[in-house]
Amino acid sequence: MAKKSWIERNARKQKTVNKYAKLRAELKKQGDYVGLTLLPRDASPTRLVNRCEVTGRRRGYLRRFRMSRIAFREAASQGLIPGVTKSSW
């Protein structure tokens, strides 16, 4: 489980990105790169980190399921993810 401070920090960054998204798009459209540099750093969407919704882990993240590989494997083994079955041959 990731520290709650890391999870909260990422949530705060997400709020900042959403707040400045429209303004960033307008500044980019106008080509005003000086105006873009005056925005907060966390207003850039590249500063967001994909985190597992179950554990908060950032490494081994599966986009399709929005969870880490470890949480995915546990949930799939318990049958909590519809349509996912363990392969055997």
PDB file of N, CA and C in Angstrom:
ATOM      1  N   MET A   1       0.848  -1.184   0.000  1.00  0.00           N
ATOM      2  CA  MET A   1       0.000   0.000   0.000  1.00  0.00           C
ATOM      3  C   MET A   1       0.885   1.235   0.000  1.00  0.00           C
ATOM      4  N   ALA A   2       0.605   2.140  -0.892  1.00  0.00           N
ATOM      5  CA  ALA A   2       1.367   3.386  -0.969  1.00  0.00           C
ATOM      6  C   ALA A   2       0.993   4.298   0.196  1.00  0.00           C
ATOM      7  N   LYS A   3       1.920   5.182   0.529  1.00  0.00           N
ATOM      8  CA  LYS A   3       1.629   6.140   1.596  1.00  0.00           C
ATOM      9  C   LYS A   3       0.468   7.033   1.178  1.00  0.00           C
ATOM     10  N   LYS A   4      -0.339   7.390   2.131  1.00  0.00           N
ATOM     11  CA  LYS A   4      -1.507   8.222   1.821  1.00  0.00           C
ATOM     12  C   LYS A   4      -1.093   9.586   1.311  1.00  0.00           C
ATOM     13  N   SER A   5       0.074  10.061   1.739  1.00  0.00           N
ATOM     14  CA  SER A   5       0.540  11.367   1.286  1.00  0.00           C
ATOM     15  C   SER A   5       0.812  11.361  -0.216  1.00  0.00           C
ATOM     16  N   TRP A   6       1.345  10.227  -0.737  1.00  0.00           N
ATOM     17  CA  TRP A   6       1.604  10.139  -2.176  1.00  0.00           C
ATOM     18  C   TRP A   6       0.301  10.119  -2.959  1.00  0.00           C
ATOM     19  N   ILE A   7      -0.677   9.396  -2.442  1.00  0.00           N
ATOM     20  CA  ILE A   7      -1.967   9.300  -3.118  1.00  0.00           C
ATOM     21  C   ILE A   7      -2.660  10.658  -3.111  1.00  0.00           C
ATOM     22  N   GLU A   8      -2.613  11.343  -1.970  1.00  0.00           N
ATOM     23  CA  GLU A   8      -3.223  12.672  -1.867  1.00  0.00           C
ATOM     24  C   GLU A   8      -2.513  13.681  -2.754  1.00  0.00           C
ATOM     25  N   ARG A   9      -1.190  13.585  -2.849  1.00  0.00           N
ATOM     26  CA  ARG A   9      -0.427  14.497  -3.702  1.00  0.00           C
ATOM     27  C   ARG A   9      -0.852  14.346  -5.156  1.00  0.00           C
ATOM     28  N   ASN A  10      -1.040  13.097  -5.586  1.00  0.00           N
ATOM     29  CA  ASN A  10      -1.464  12.862  -6.965  1.00  0.00           C
ATOM     30  C   ASN A  10      -2.886  13.375  -7.191  1.00  0.00           C
ATOM     31  N   ALA A  11      -3.756  13.238  -6.196  1.00  0.00           N
ATOM     32  CA  ALA A  11      -5.126  13.752  -6.311  1.00  0.00           C
ATOM     33  C   ALA A  11      -5.119  15.275  -6.399  1.00  0.00           C
ATOM     34  N   ARG A  12      -4.235  15.909  -5.645  1.00  0.00           N
ATOM     35  CA  ARG A  12      -4.113  17.371  -5.694  1.00  0.00           C
ATOM     36  C   ARG A  12      -3.606  17.826  -7.068  1.00  0.00           C
ATOM     37  N   LYS A  13      -2.661  17.073  -7.623  1.00  0.00           N
ATOM     38  CA  LYS A  13      -2.167  17.401  -8.970  1.00  0.00           C
ATOM     39  C   LYS A  13      -3.290  17.268  -9.996  1.00  0.00           C
ATOM     40  N   GLN A  14      -4.122  16.232  -9.833  1.00  0.00           N
ATOM     41  CA  GLN A  14      -5.238  16.030 -10.763  1.00  0.00           C
ATOM     42  C   GLN A  14      -6.209  17.197 -10.717  1.00  0.00           C
ATOM     43  N   LYS A  15      -6.480  17.723  -9.535  1.00  0.00           N
ATOM     44  CA  LYS A  15      -7.360  18.885  -9.405  1.00  0.00           C
ATOM     45  C   LYS A  15      -6.759  20.102 -10.108  1.00  0.00           C
ATOM     46  N   THR A  16      -5.451  20.285  -9.954  1.00  0.00           N
ATOM     47  CA  THR A  16      -4.779  21.420 -10.580  1.00  0.00           C
ATOM     48  C   THR A  16      -4.803  21.300 -12.098  1.00  0.00           C
ATOM     49  N   VAL A  17      -4.585  20.090 -12.601  1.00  0.00           N
ATOM     50  CA  VAL A  17      -4.636  19.869 -14.058  1.00  0.00           C
ATOM     51  C   VAL A  17      -6.025  20.197 -14.579  1.00  0.00           C
ATOM     52  N   ASN A  18      -7.062  19.738 -13.887  1.00  0.00           N
ATOM     53  CA  ASN A  18      -8.443  20.008 -14.317  1.00  0.00           C
ATOM     54  C   ASN A  18      -8.760  21.497 -14.261  1.00  0.00           C
ATOM     55  N   LYS A  19      -8.228  22.182 -13.257  1.00  0.00           N
ATOM     56  CA  LYS A  19      -8.494  23.606 -13.074  1.00  0.00           C
ATOM     57  C   LYS A  19      -7.914  24.437 -14.227  1.00  0.00           C
ATOM     58  N   TYR A  20      -6.713  24.100 -14.658  1.00  0.00           N
ATOM     59  CA  TYR A  20      -6.016  24.899 -15.671  1.00  0.00           C
ATOM     60  C   TYR A  20      -6.094  24.317 -17.084  1.00  0.00           C
ATOM     61  N   ALA A  21      -6.844  23.242 -17.294  1.00  0.00           N
ATOM     62  CA  ALA A  21      -6.878  22.575 -18.593  1.00  0.00           C
ATOM     63  C   ALA A  21      -7.352  23.506 -19.707  1.00  0.00           C
ATOM     64  N   LYS A  22      -8.427  24.221 -19.459  1.00  0.00           N
ATOM     65  CA  LYS A  22      -8.987  25.104 -20.480  1.00  0.00           C
ATOM     66  C   LYS A  22      -8.015  26.237 -20.807  1.00  0.00           C
ATOM     67  N   LEU A  23      -7.435  26.842 -19.773  1.00  0.00           N
ATOM     68  CA  LEU A  23      -6.479  27.932 -19.971  1.00  0.00           C
ATOM     69  C   LEU A  23      -5.238  27.445 -20.707  1.00  0.00           C
ATOM     70  N   ARG A  24      -4.733  26.243 -20.346  1.00  0.00           N
ATOM     71  CA  ARG A  24      -3.566  25.677 -21.028  1.00  0.00           C
ATOM     72  C   ARG A  24      -3.849  25.471 -22.510  1.00  0.00           C
ATOM     73  N   ALA A  25      -5.042  24.970 -22.815  1.00  0.00           N
ATOM     74  CA  ALA A  25      -5.405  24.716 -24.214  1.00  0.00           C
ATOM     75  C   ALA A  25      -5.444  26.023 -25.008  1.00  0.00           C
ATOM     76  N   GLU A  26      -5.994  27.082 -24.406  1.00  0.00           N
ATOM     77  CA  GLU A  26      -6.049  28.373 -25.087  1.00  0.00           C
ATOM     78  C   GLU A  26      -4.655  28.944 -25.317  1.00  0.00           C
ATOM     79  N   LEU A  27      -3.797  28.865 -24.295  1.00  0.00           N
ATOM     80  CA  LEU A  27      -2.443  29.389 -24.425  1.00  0.00           C
ATOM     81  C   LEU A  27      -1.649  28.623 -25.476  1.00  0.00           C
ATOM     82  N   LYS A  28      -1.823  27.311 -25.532  1.00  0.00           N
ATOM     83  CA  LYS A  28      -1.132  26.507 -26.539  1.00  0.00           C
ATOM     84  C   LYS A  28      -1.629  26.841 -27.937  1.00  0.00           C
ATOM     85  N   LYS A  29      -2.937  27.066 -28.051  1.00  0.00           N
ATOM     86  CA  LYS A  29      -3.527  27.398 -29.349  1.00  0.00           C
ATOM     87  C   LYS A  29      -2.985  28.722 -29.858  1.00  0.00           C
ATOM     88  N   GLN A  30      -2.795  29.676 -28.943  1.00  0.00           N
ATOM     89  CA  GLN A  30      -2.270  30.988 -29.312  1.00  0.00           C
ATOM     90  C   GLN A  30      -0.754  30.968 -29.495  1.00  0.00           C
ATOM     91  N   GLY A  31      -0.104  29.927 -29.003  1.00  0.00           N
ATOM     92  CA  GLY A  31       1.353  29.865 -29.079  1.00  0.00           C
ATOM     93  C   GLY A  31       2.039  30.713 -28.023  1.00  0.00           C
ATOM     94  N   ASP A  32       1.336  31.018 -26.952  1.00  0.00           N
ATOM     95  CA  ASP A  32       1.877  31.853 -25.876  1.00  0.00           C
ATOM     96  C   ASP A  32       2.620  30.972 -24.874  1.00  0.00           C
ATOM     97  N   TYR A  33       3.872  30.664 -25.185  1.00  0.00           N
ATOM     98  CA  TYR A  33       4.643  29.772 -24.335  1.00  0.00           C
ATOM     99  C   TYR A  33       5.158  30.473 -23.084  1.00  0.00           C
ATOM    100  N   VAL A  34       5.250  31.783 -23.124  1.00  0.00           N
ATOM    101  CA  VAL A  34       5.621  32.526 -21.920  1.00  0.00           C
ATOM    102  C   VAL A  34       4.485  32.439 -20.908  1.00  0.00           C
ATOM    103  N   GLY A  35       3.262  32.552 -21.393  1.00  0.00           N
ATOM    104  CA  GLY A  35       2.103  32.421 -20.520  1.00  0.00           C
ATOM    105  C   GLY A  35       2.003  31.022 -19.918  1.00  0.00           C
ATOM    106  N   LEU A  36       2.396  30.015 -20.697  1.00  0.00           N
ATOM    107  CA  LEU A  36       2.380  28.650 -20.188  1.00  0.00           C
ATOM    108  C   LEU A  36       3.387  28.465 -19.055  1.00  0.00           C
ATOM    109  N   THR A  37       4.532  29.133 -19.167  1.00  0.00           N
ATOM    110  CA  THR A  37       5.545  28.993 -18.114  1.00  0.00           C
ATOM    111  C   THR A  37       5.113  29.665 -16.816  1.00  0.00           C
ATOM    112  N   LEU A  38       4.165  30.585 -16.900  1.00  0.00           N
ATOM    113  CA  LEU A  38       3.690  31.270 -15.696  1.00  0.00           C
ATOM    114  C   LEU A  38       2.665  30.449 -14.918  1.00  0.00           C
ATOM    115  N   LEU A  39       2.135  29.408 -15.549  1.00  0.00           N
ATOM    116  CA  LEU A  39       1.190  28.527 -14.852  1.00  0.00           C
ATOM    117  C   LEU A  39       1.941  27.665 -13.840  1.00  0.00           C
ATOM    118  N   PRO A  40       1.243  27.148 -12.841  1.00  0.00           N
ATOM    119  CA  PRO A  40       1.912  26.253 -11.883  1.00  0.00           C
ATOM    120  C   PRO A  40       2.448  24.996 -12.566  1.00  0.00           C
ATOM    121  N   ARG A  41       3.508  24.449 -12.032  1.00  0.00           N
ATOM    122  CA  ARG A  41       4.094  23.240 -12.612  1.00  0.00           C
ATOM    123  C   ARG A  41       3.111  22.082 -12.616  1.00  0.00           C
ATOM    124  N   ASP A  42       2.336  21.972 -11.559  1.00  0.00           N
ATOM    125  CA  ASP A  42       1.407  20.849 -11.455  1.00  0.00           C
ATOM    126  C   ASP A  42       0.197  20.984 -12.380  1.00  0.00           C
ATOM    127  N   ALA A  43       0.134  22.065 -13.150  1.00  0.00           N
ATOM    128  CA  ALA A  43      -0.953  22.222 -14.114  1.00  0.00           C
ATOM    129  C   ALA A  43      -0.701  21.394 -15.367  1.00  0.00           C
ATOM    130  N   SER A  44       0.492  20.860 -15.509  1.00  0.00           N
ATOM    131  CA  SER A  44       0.833  20.045 -16.673  1.00  0.00           C
ATOM    132  C   SER A  44       0.388  18.603 -16.455  1.00  0.00           C
ATOM    133  N   PRO A  45      -0.332  18.022 -17.420  1.00  0.00           N
ATOM    134  CA  PRO A  45      -0.813  16.653 -17.242  1.00  0.00           C
ATOM    135  C   PRO A  45       0.305  15.613 -17.203  1.00  0.00           C
ATOM    136  N   THR A  46       1.504  15.955 -17.670  1.00  0.00           N
ATOM    137  CA  THR A  46       2.587  14.979 -17.646  1.00  0.00           C
ATOM    138  C   THR A  46       3.108  14.741 -16.244  1.00  0.00           C
ATOM    139  N   ARG A  47       2.728  15.564 -15.301  1.00  0.00           N
ATOM    140  CA  ARG A  47       3.183  15.382 -13.919  1.00  0.00           C
ATOM    141  C   ARG A  47       2.305  14.414 -13.134  1.00  0.00           C
ATOM    142  N   LEU A  48       1.206  13.987 -13.749  1.00  0.00           N
ATOM    143  CA  LEU A  48       0.346  12.997 -13.099  1.00  0.00           C
ATOM    144  C   LEU A  48       0.977  11.617 -13.214  1.00  0.00           C
ATOM    145  N   VAL A  49       0.692  10.781 -12.235  1.00  0.00           N
ATOM    146  CA  VAL A  49       1.219   9.425 -12.200  1.00  0.00           C
ATOM    147  C   VAL A  49       0.038   8.467 -12.181  1.00  0.00           C
ATOM    148  N   ASN A  50       0.098   7.430 -13.012  1.00  0.00           N
ATOM    149  CA  ASN A  50      -0.935   6.399 -12.958  1.00  0.00           C
ATOM    150  C   ASN A  50      -0.736   5.591 -11.684  1.00  0.00           C
ATOM    151  N   ARG A  51      -1.779   5.507 -10.864  1.00  0.00           N
ATOM    152  CA  ARG A  51      -1.694   4.763  -9.607  1.00  0.00           C
ATOM    153  C   ARG A  51      -2.821   3.741  -9.525  1.00  0.00           C
ATOM    154  N   CYS A  52      -2.512   2.627  -8.918  1.00  0.00           N
ATOM    155  CA  CYS A  52      -3.501   1.569  -8.695  1.00  0.00           C
ATOM    156  C   CYS A  52      -4.616   2.111  -7.803  1.00  0.00           C
ATOM    157  N   GLU A  53      -5.851   1.852  -8.168  1.00  0.00           N
ATOM    158  CA  GLU A  53      -6.975   2.339  -7.376  1.00  0.00           C
ATOM    159  C   GLU A  53      -7.188   1.526  -6.106  1.00  0.00           C
ATOM    160  N   VAL A  54      -6.606   0.342  -6.051  1.00  0.00           N
ATOM    161  CA  VAL A  54      -6.756  -0.505  -4.876  1.00  0.00           C
ATOM    162  C   VAL A  54      -5.662  -0.221  -3.857  1.00  0.00           C
ATOM    163  N   THR A  55      -4.404  -0.234  -4.324  1.00  0.00           N
ATOM    164  CA  THR A  55      -3.275  -0.119  -3.406  1.00  0.00           C
ATOM    165  C   THR A  55      -2.540   1.209  -3.486  1.00  0.00           C
ATOM    166  N   GLY A  56      -2.679   1.934  -4.587  1.00  0.00           N
ATOM    167  CA  GLY A  56      -1.953   3.186  -4.756  1.00  0.00           C
ATOM    168  C   GLY A  56      -0.582   2.994  -5.358  1.00  0.00           C
ATOM    169  N   ARG A  57      -0.226   1.763  -5.702  1.00  0.00           N
ATOM    170  CA  ARG A  57       1.083   1.461  -6.278  1.00  0.00           C
ATOM    171  C   ARG A  57       1.203   2.083  -7.660  1.00  0.00           C
ATOM    172  N   ARG A  58       2.389   2.615  -7.990  1.00  0.00           N
ATOM    173  CA  ARG A  58       2.562   3.263  -9.288  1.00  0.00           C
ATOM    174  C   ARG A  58       3.318   2.404 -10.287  1.00  0.00           C
ATOM    175  N   ARG A  59       4.052   1.425  -9.827  1.00  0.00           N
ATOM    176  CA  ARG A  59       4.809   0.568 -10.726  1.00  0.00           C
ATOM    177  C   ARG A  59       4.005  -0.681 -11.062  1.00  0.00           C
ATOM    178  N   GLY A  60       4.155  -1.186 -12.271  1.00  0.00           N
ATOM    179  CA  GLY A  60       3.413  -2.370 -12.685  1.00  0.00           C
ATOM    180  C   GLY A  60       1.941  -2.078 -12.881  1.00  0.00           C
ATOM    181  N   TYR A  61       1.634  -0.896 -13.402  1.00  0.00           N
ATOM    182  CA  TYR A  61       0.258  -0.434 -13.559  1.00  0.00           C
ATOM    183  C   TYR A  61      -0.330  -0.951 -14.868  1.00  0.00           C
ATOM    184  N   LEU A  62      -1.523  -1.531 -14.813  1.00  0.00           N
ATOM    185  CA  LEU A  62      -2.238  -2.002 -16.000  1.00  0.00           C
ATOM    186  C   LEU A  62      -3.345  -1.007 -16.307  1.00  0.00           C
ATOM    187  N   ARG A  63      -3.217  -0.286 -17.420  1.00  0.00           N
ATOM    188  CA  ARG A  63      -4.178   0.765 -17.748  1.00  0.00           C
ATOM    189  C   ARG A  63      -5.590   0.251 -17.942  1.00  0.00           C
ATOM    190  N   ARG A  64      -5.698  -0.890 -18.597  1.00  0.00           N
ATOM    191  CA  ARG A  64      -7.027  -1.424 -18.921  1.00  0.00           C
ATOM    192  C   ARG A  64      -7.867  -1.668 -17.662  1.00  0.00           C
ATOM    193  N   PHE A  65      -7.205  -2.094 -16.592  1.00  0.00           N
ATOM    194  CA  PHE A  65      -7.921  -2.428 -15.364  1.00  0.00           C
ATOM    195  C   PHE A  65      -7.722  -1.387 -14.271  1.00  0.00           C
ATOM    196  N   ARG A  66      -6.846  -0.414 -14.516  1.00  0.00           N
ATOM    197  CA  ARG A  66      -6.551   0.684 -13.592  1.00  0.00           C
ATOM    198  C   ARG A  66      -6.102   0.172 -12.226  1.00  0.00           C
ATOM    199  N   MET A  67      -5.292  -0.876 -12.256  1.00  0.00           N
ATOM    200  CA  MET A  67      -4.725  -1.410 -11.020  1.00  0.00           C
ATOM    201  C   MET A  67      -3.351  -2.008 -11.295  1.00  0.00           C
ATOM    202  N   SER A  68      -2.614  -2.236 -10.221  1.00  0.00           N
ATOM    203  CA  SER A  68      -1.271  -2.790 -10.364  1.00  0.00           C
ATOM    204  C   SER A  68      -1.361  -4.276 -10.684  1.00  0.00           C
ATOM    205  N   ARG A  69      -0.249  -4.819 -11.126  1.00  0.00           N
ATOM    206  CA  ARG A  69      -0.215  -6.234 -11.509  1.00  0.00           C
ATOM    207  C   ARG A  69      -0.507  -7.136 -10.311  1.00  0.00           C
ATOM    208  N   ILE A  70      -0.079  -6.724  -9.143  1.00  0.00           N
ATOM    209  CA  ILE A  70      -0.269  -7.538  -7.944  1.00  0.00           C
ATOM    210  C   ILE A  70      -1.743  -7.563  -7.542  1.00  0.00           C
ATOM    211  N   ALA A  71      -2.371  -6.388  -7.504  1.00  0.00           N
ATOM    212  CA  ALA A  71      -3.794  -6.310  -7.157  1.00  0.00           C
ATOM    213  C   ALA A  71      -4.635  -7.000  -8.222  1.00  0.00           C
ATOM    214  N   PHE A  72      -4.217  -6.878  -9.483  1.00  0.00           N
ATOM    215  CA  PHE A  72      -4.939  -7.532 -10.582  1.00  0.00           C
ATOM    216  C   PHE A  72      -4.911  -9.044 -10.417  1.00  0.00           C
ATOM    217  N   ARG A  73      -3.750  -9.575 -10.107  1.00  0.00           N
ATOM    218  CA  ARG A  73      -3.604 -11.023  -9.977  1.00  0.00           C
ATOM    219  C   ARG A  73      -4.450 -11.554  -8.827  1.00  0.00           C
ATOM    220  N   GLU A  74      -4.452 -10.845  -7.714  1.00  0.00           N
ATOM    221  CA  GLU A  74      -5.259 -11.278  -6.572  1.00  0.00           C
ATOM    222  C   GLU A  74      -6.753 -11.240  -6.897  1.00  0.00           C
ATOM    223  N   ALA A  75      -7.187 -10.148  -7.539  1.00  0.00           N
ATOM    224  CA  ALA A  75      -8.609 -10.010  -7.878  1.00  0.00           C
ATOM    225  C   ALA A  75      -9.029 -11.038  -8.923  1.00  0.00           C
ATOM    226  N   ALA A  76      -8.150 -11.293  -9.894  1.00  0.00           N
ATOM    227  CA  ALA A  76      -8.472 -12.263 -10.940  1.00  0.00           C
ATOM    228  C   ALA A  76      -8.539 -13.676 -10.366  1.00  0.00           C
ATOM    229  N   SER A  77      -7.662 -13.993  -9.443  1.00  0.00           N
ATOM    230  CA  SER A  77      -7.665 -15.324  -8.823  1.00  0.00           C
ATOM    231  C   SER A  77      -8.922 -15.553  -8.003  1.00  0.00           C
ATOM    232  N   GLN A  78      -9.446 -14.493  -7.397  1.00  0.00           N
ATOM    233  CA  GLN A  78     -10.665 -14.600  -6.593  1.00  0.00           C
ATOM    234  C   GLN A  78     -11.930 -14.512  -7.442  1.00  0.00           C
ATOM    235  N   GLY A  79     -11.760 -14.241  -8.741  1.00  0.00           N
ATOM    236  CA  GLY A  79     -12.907 -14.159  -9.635  1.00  0.00           C
ATOM    237  C   GLY A  79     -13.664 -12.854  -9.533  1.00  0.00           C
ATOM    238  N   LEU A  80     -13.003 -11.783  -9.093  1.00  0.00           N
ATOM    239  CA  LEU A  80     -13.666 -10.490  -8.917  1.00  0.00           C
ATOM    240  C   LEU A  80     -13.692  -9.650 -10.183  1.00  0.00           C
ATOM    241  N   ILE A  81     -12.931 -10.053 -11.206  1.00  0.00           N
ATOM    242  CA  ILE A  81     -12.891  -9.305 -12.457  1.00  0.00           C
ATOM    243  C   ILE A  81     -13.629 -10.121 -13.512  1.00  0.00           C
ATOM    244  N   PRO A  82     -14.782  -9.626 -13.979  1.00  0.00           N
ATOM    245  CA  PRO A  82     -15.555 -10.402 -14.954  1.00  0.00           C
ATOM    246  C   PRO A  82     -14.814 -10.545 -16.278  1.00  0.00           C
ATOM    247  N   GLY A  83     -14.888 -11.735 -16.854  1.00  0.00           N
ATOM    248  CA  GLY A  83     -14.288 -11.996 -18.147  1.00  0.00           C
ATOM    249  C   GLY A  83     -12.831 -12.374 -18.097  1.00  0.00           C
ATOM    250  N   VAL A  84     -12.217 -12.387 -16.935  1.00  0.00           N
ATOM    251  CA  VAL A  84     -10.805 -12.733 -16.809  1.00  0.00           C
ATOM    252  C   VAL A  84     -10.704 -14.122 -16.192  1.00  0.00           C
ATOM    253  N   THR A  85     -10.030 -15.017 -16.896  1.00  0.00           N
ATOM    254  CA  THR A  85      -9.823 -16.357 -16.386  1.00  0.00           C
ATOM    255  C   THR A  85      -8.341 -16.708 -16.444  1.00  0.00           C
ATOM    256  N   LYS A  86      -7.921 -17.573 -15.587  1.00  0.00           N
ATOM    257  CA  LYS A  86      -6.542 -18.011 -15.563  1.00  0.00           C
ATOM    258  C   LYS A  86      -6.323 -18.958 -16.735  1.00  0.00           C
ATOM    259  N   SER A  87      -5.265 -18.719 -17.475  1.00  0.00           N
ATOM    260  CA  SER A  87      -5.021 -19.576 -18.636  1.00  0.00           C
ATOM    261  C   SER A  87      -4.380 -20.885 -18.195  1.00  0.00           C
ATOM    262  N   SER A  88      -4.692 -21.942 -18.910  1.00  0.00           N
ATOM    263  CA  SER A  88      -4.051 -23.219 -18.656  1.00  0.00           C
ATOM    264  C   SER A  88      -3.950 -23.966 -19.980  1.00  0.00           C
ATOM    265  N   TRP A  89      -2.845 -24.649 -20.181  1.00  0.00           N
ATOM    266  CA  TRP A  89      -2.661 -25.393 -21.409  1.00  0.00           C
ATOM    267  C   TRP A  89      -1.881 -26.646 -21.150  1.00  0.00           C
TER     268      TRP A  89
END
